[in-house]
Amino acid sequence: MPENSTNSTNSSNPTLVEVFTNFFRAATRPAVTIIFAAVIAQVVIEGIAAPQWFLALASACILWWFGDRTVQHIQHSKLECWNIKDKKGGTNAQT
């Protein structure tokens, strides 16, 4: 369980490397997604022959990123819901 305590400490006081990697990840994801989507659109509309490995990589990346953002959104929504219940005097029953 030491990993959880380290992560909570780092989230409140991130290092320069963590800030840079988060910025780099946030900047490259949209660009790479647009490139993948443009190539997939050309394959579908114009019928160009794209390598199977590229289509598999593009599909996997887009699905991974969509799933990651969905999970983060659900976790954020649950945390907000728990905080609202706590402020109203309810108990915070986390399991």
C-alpha atoms as a PDB file:
ATOM      1  CA  MET A   1       0.000   0.000   0.000  1.00  0.00           C
ATOM      2  CA  PRO A   2       2.932   2.462   0.025  1.00  0.00           C
ATOM      3  CA  GLU A   3       2.157   3.264  -3.614  1.00  0.00           C
ATOM      4  CA  ASN A   4      -1.163   4.872  -2.681  1.00  0.00           C
ATOM      5  CA  SER A   5       0.420   7.153  -0.100  1.00  0.00           C
ATOM      6  CA  THR A   6       3.126   8.154  -2.593  1.00  0.00           C
ATOM      7  CA  ASN A   7       0.542   8.948  -5.268  1.00  0.00           C
ATOM      8  CA  SER A   8      -1.514  11.110  -2.921  1.00  0.00           C
ATOM      9  CA  THR A   9       1.605  13.042  -1.897  1.00  0.00           C
ATOM     10  CA  ASN A  10       2.714  13.534  -5.491  1.00  0.00           C
ATOM     11  CA  SER A  11      -0.712  14.739  -6.609  1.00  0.00           C
ATOM     12  CA  SER A  12      -0.573  17.633  -4.148  1.00  0.00           C
ATOM     13  CA  ASN A  13       3.057  18.511  -4.916  1.00  0.00           C
ATOM     14  CA  PRO A  14       3.998  17.243  -8.420  1.00  0.00           C
ATOM     15  CA  THR A  15       7.567  17.228  -9.638  1.00  0.00           C
ATOM     16  CA  LEU A  16       8.736  19.007 -12.768  1.00  0.00           C
ATOM     17  CA  VAL A  17       8.918  15.705 -14.653  1.00  0.00           C
ATOM     18  CA  GLU A  18       5.315  14.844 -13.747  1.00  0.00           C
ATOM     19  CA  VAL A  19       4.110  18.276 -14.828  1.00  0.00           C
ATOM     20  CA  PHE A  20       5.988  17.985 -18.134  1.00  0.00           C
ATOM     21  CA  THR A  21       4.731  14.467 -18.878  1.00  0.00           C
ATOM     22  CA  ASN A  22       1.140  15.446 -18.093  1.00  0.00           C
ATOM     23  CA  PHE A  23       1.448  18.489 -20.365  1.00  0.00           C
ATOM     24  CA  PHE A  24       3.078  16.434 -23.129  1.00  0.00           C
ATOM     25  CA  ARG A  25       0.385  13.763 -22.858  1.00  0.00           C
ATOM     26  CA  ALA A  26      -2.378  16.381 -22.941  1.00  0.00           C
ATOM     27  CA  ALA A  27      -0.849  18.045 -26.019  1.00  0.00           C
ATOM     28  CA  THR A  28      -0.129  14.910 -28.045  1.00  0.00           C
ATOM     29  CA  ARG A  29      -3.349  12.952 -27.494  1.00  0.00           C
ATOM     30  CA  PRO A  30      -5.551  15.268 -29.575  1.00  0.00           C
ATOM     31  CA  ALA A  31      -2.983  15.486 -32.377  1.00  0.00           C
ATOM     32  CA  VAL A  32      -2.478  11.731 -32.598  1.00  0.00           C
ATOM     33  CA  THR A  33      -6.229  11.112 -32.402  1.00  0.00           C
ATOM     34  CA  ILE A  34      -6.832  13.520 -35.296  1.00  0.00           C
ATOM     35  CA  ILE A  35      -4.161  11.801 -37.397  1.00  0.00           C
ATOM     36  CA  PHE A  36      -5.618   8.369 -36.657  1.00  0.00           C
ATOM     37  CA  ALA A  37      -9.153   9.558 -37.373  1.00  0.00           C
ATOM     38  CA  ALA A  38      -8.114  11.204 -40.655  1.00  0.00           C
ATOM     39  CA  VAL A  39      -6.429   8.042 -41.910  1.00  0.00           C
ATOM     40  CA  ILE A  40      -9.375   5.864 -40.857  1.00  0.00           C
ATOM     41  CA  ALA A  41     -11.739   8.264 -42.642  1.00  0.00           C
ATOM     42  CA  GLN A  42      -9.665   8.009 -45.832  1.00  0.00           C
ATOM     43  CA  VAL A  43      -9.724   4.226 -45.591  1.00  0.00           C
ATOM     44  CA  VAL A  44     -13.504   4.216 -45.255  1.00  0.00           C
ATOM     45  CA  ILE A  45     -14.378   6.984 -47.718  1.00  0.00           C
ATOM     46  CA  GLU A  46     -11.688   6.737 -50.402  1.00  0.00           C
ATOM     47  CA  GLY A  47     -10.866   3.070 -49.986  1.00  0.00           C
ATOM     48  CA  ILE A  48      -7.104   3.539 -49.636  1.00  0.00           C
ATOM     49  CA  ALA A  49      -5.096   0.549 -48.503  1.00  0.00           C
ATOM     50  CA  ALA A  50      -3.779   1.245 -45.027  1.00  0.00           C
ATOM     51  CA  PRO A  51      -1.591  -1.311 -43.268  1.00  0.00           C
ATOM     52  CA  GLN A  52      -3.497  -3.581 -40.886  1.00  0.00           C
ATOM     53  CA  TRP A  53      -1.027  -2.840 -38.089  1.00  0.00           C
ATOM     54  CA  PHE A  54      -1.799   0.872 -38.373  1.00  0.00           C
ATOM     55  CA  LEU A  55      -5.541   0.334 -38.216  1.00  0.00           C
ATOM     56  CA  ALA A  56      -5.129  -1.980 -35.211  1.00  0.00           C
ATOM     57  CA  LEU A  57      -2.871   0.534 -33.439  1.00  0.00           C
ATOM     58  CA  ALA A  58      -5.240   3.423 -34.183  1.00  0.00           C
ATOM     59  CA  SER A  59      -8.286   1.517 -32.976  1.00  0.00           C
ATOM     60  CA  ALA A  60      -6.535   0.355 -29.820  1.00  0.00           C
ATOM     61  CA  CYS A  61      -5.269   3.854 -28.959  1.00  0.00           C
ATOM     62  CA  ILE A  62      -8.604   5.548 -29.536  1.00  0.00           C
ATOM     63  CA  LEU A  63     -10.469   2.922 -27.496  1.00  0.00           C
ATOM     64  CA  TRP A  64      -7.869   3.064 -24.719  1.00  0.00           C
ATOM     65  CA  TRP A  65      -8.047   6.859 -24.470  1.00  0.00           C
ATOM     66  CA  PHE A  66     -11.846   6.873 -24.583  1.00  0.00           C
ATOM     67  CA  GLY A  67     -11.979   4.246 -21.847  1.00  0.00           C
ATOM     68  CA  ASP A  68      -9.408   6.082 -19.725  1.00  0.00           C
ATOM     69  CA  ARG A  69     -11.324   9.357 -19.918  1.00  0.00           C
ATOM     70  CA  THR A  70     -14.606   7.578 -19.193  1.00  0.00           C
ATOM     71  CA  VAL A  71     -13.178   5.919 -16.076  1.00  0.00           C
ATOM     72  CA  GLN A  72     -11.719   9.236 -14.887  1.00  0.00           C
ATOM     73  CA  HIS A  73     -15.072  10.942 -15.433  1.00  0.00           C
ATOM     74  CA  ILE A  74     -16.929   8.257 -13.474  1.00  0.00           C
ATOM     75  CA  GLN A  75     -14.434   8.434 -10.599  1.00  0.00           C
ATOM     76  CA  HIS A  76     -14.673  12.224 -10.517  1.00  0.00           C
ATOM     77  CA  SER A  77     -18.478  12.067 -10.499  1.00  0.00           C
ATOM     78  CA  LYS A  78     -18.471   9.571  -7.620  1.00  0.00           C
ATOM     79  CA  LEU A  79     -16.096  11.735  -5.589  1.00  0.00           C
ATOM     80  CA  GLU A  80     -18.308  14.783  -6.112  1.00  0.00           C
ATOM     81  CA  CYS A  81     -21.354  12.766  -5.091  1.00  0.00           C
ATOM     82  CA  TRP A  82     -19.645  11.580  -1.891  1.00  0.00           C
ATOM     83  CA  ASN A  83     -18.530  15.107  -1.018  1.00  0.00           C
ATOM     84  CA  ILE A  84     -22.072  16.428  -1.456  1.00  0.00           C
ATOM     85  CA  LYS A  85     -23.437  13.708   0.864  1.00  0.00           C
ATOM     86  CA  ASP A  86     -20.762  14.526   3.468  1.00  0.00           C
ATOM     87  CA  LYS A  87     -21.604  18.239   3.422  1.00  0.00           C
ATOM     88  CA  LYS A  88     -25.306  17.476   3.986  1.00  0.00           C
ATOM     89  CA  GLY A  89     -24.493  15.535   7.115  1.00  0.00           C
ATOM     90  CA  GLY A  90     -24.640  12.057   5.623  1.00  0.00           C
ATOM     91  CA  THR A  91     -22.078   9.385   6.158  1.00  0.00           C
ATOM     92  CA  ASN A  92     -19.345   8.649   3.681  1.00  0.00           C
ATOM     93  CA  ALA A  93     -19.679   4.891   3.226  1.00  0.00           C
ATOM     94  CA  GLN A  94     -16.689   4.029   1.078  1.00  0.00           C
ATOM     95  CA  THR A  95     -15.817   0.389   0.586  1.00  0.00           C
END
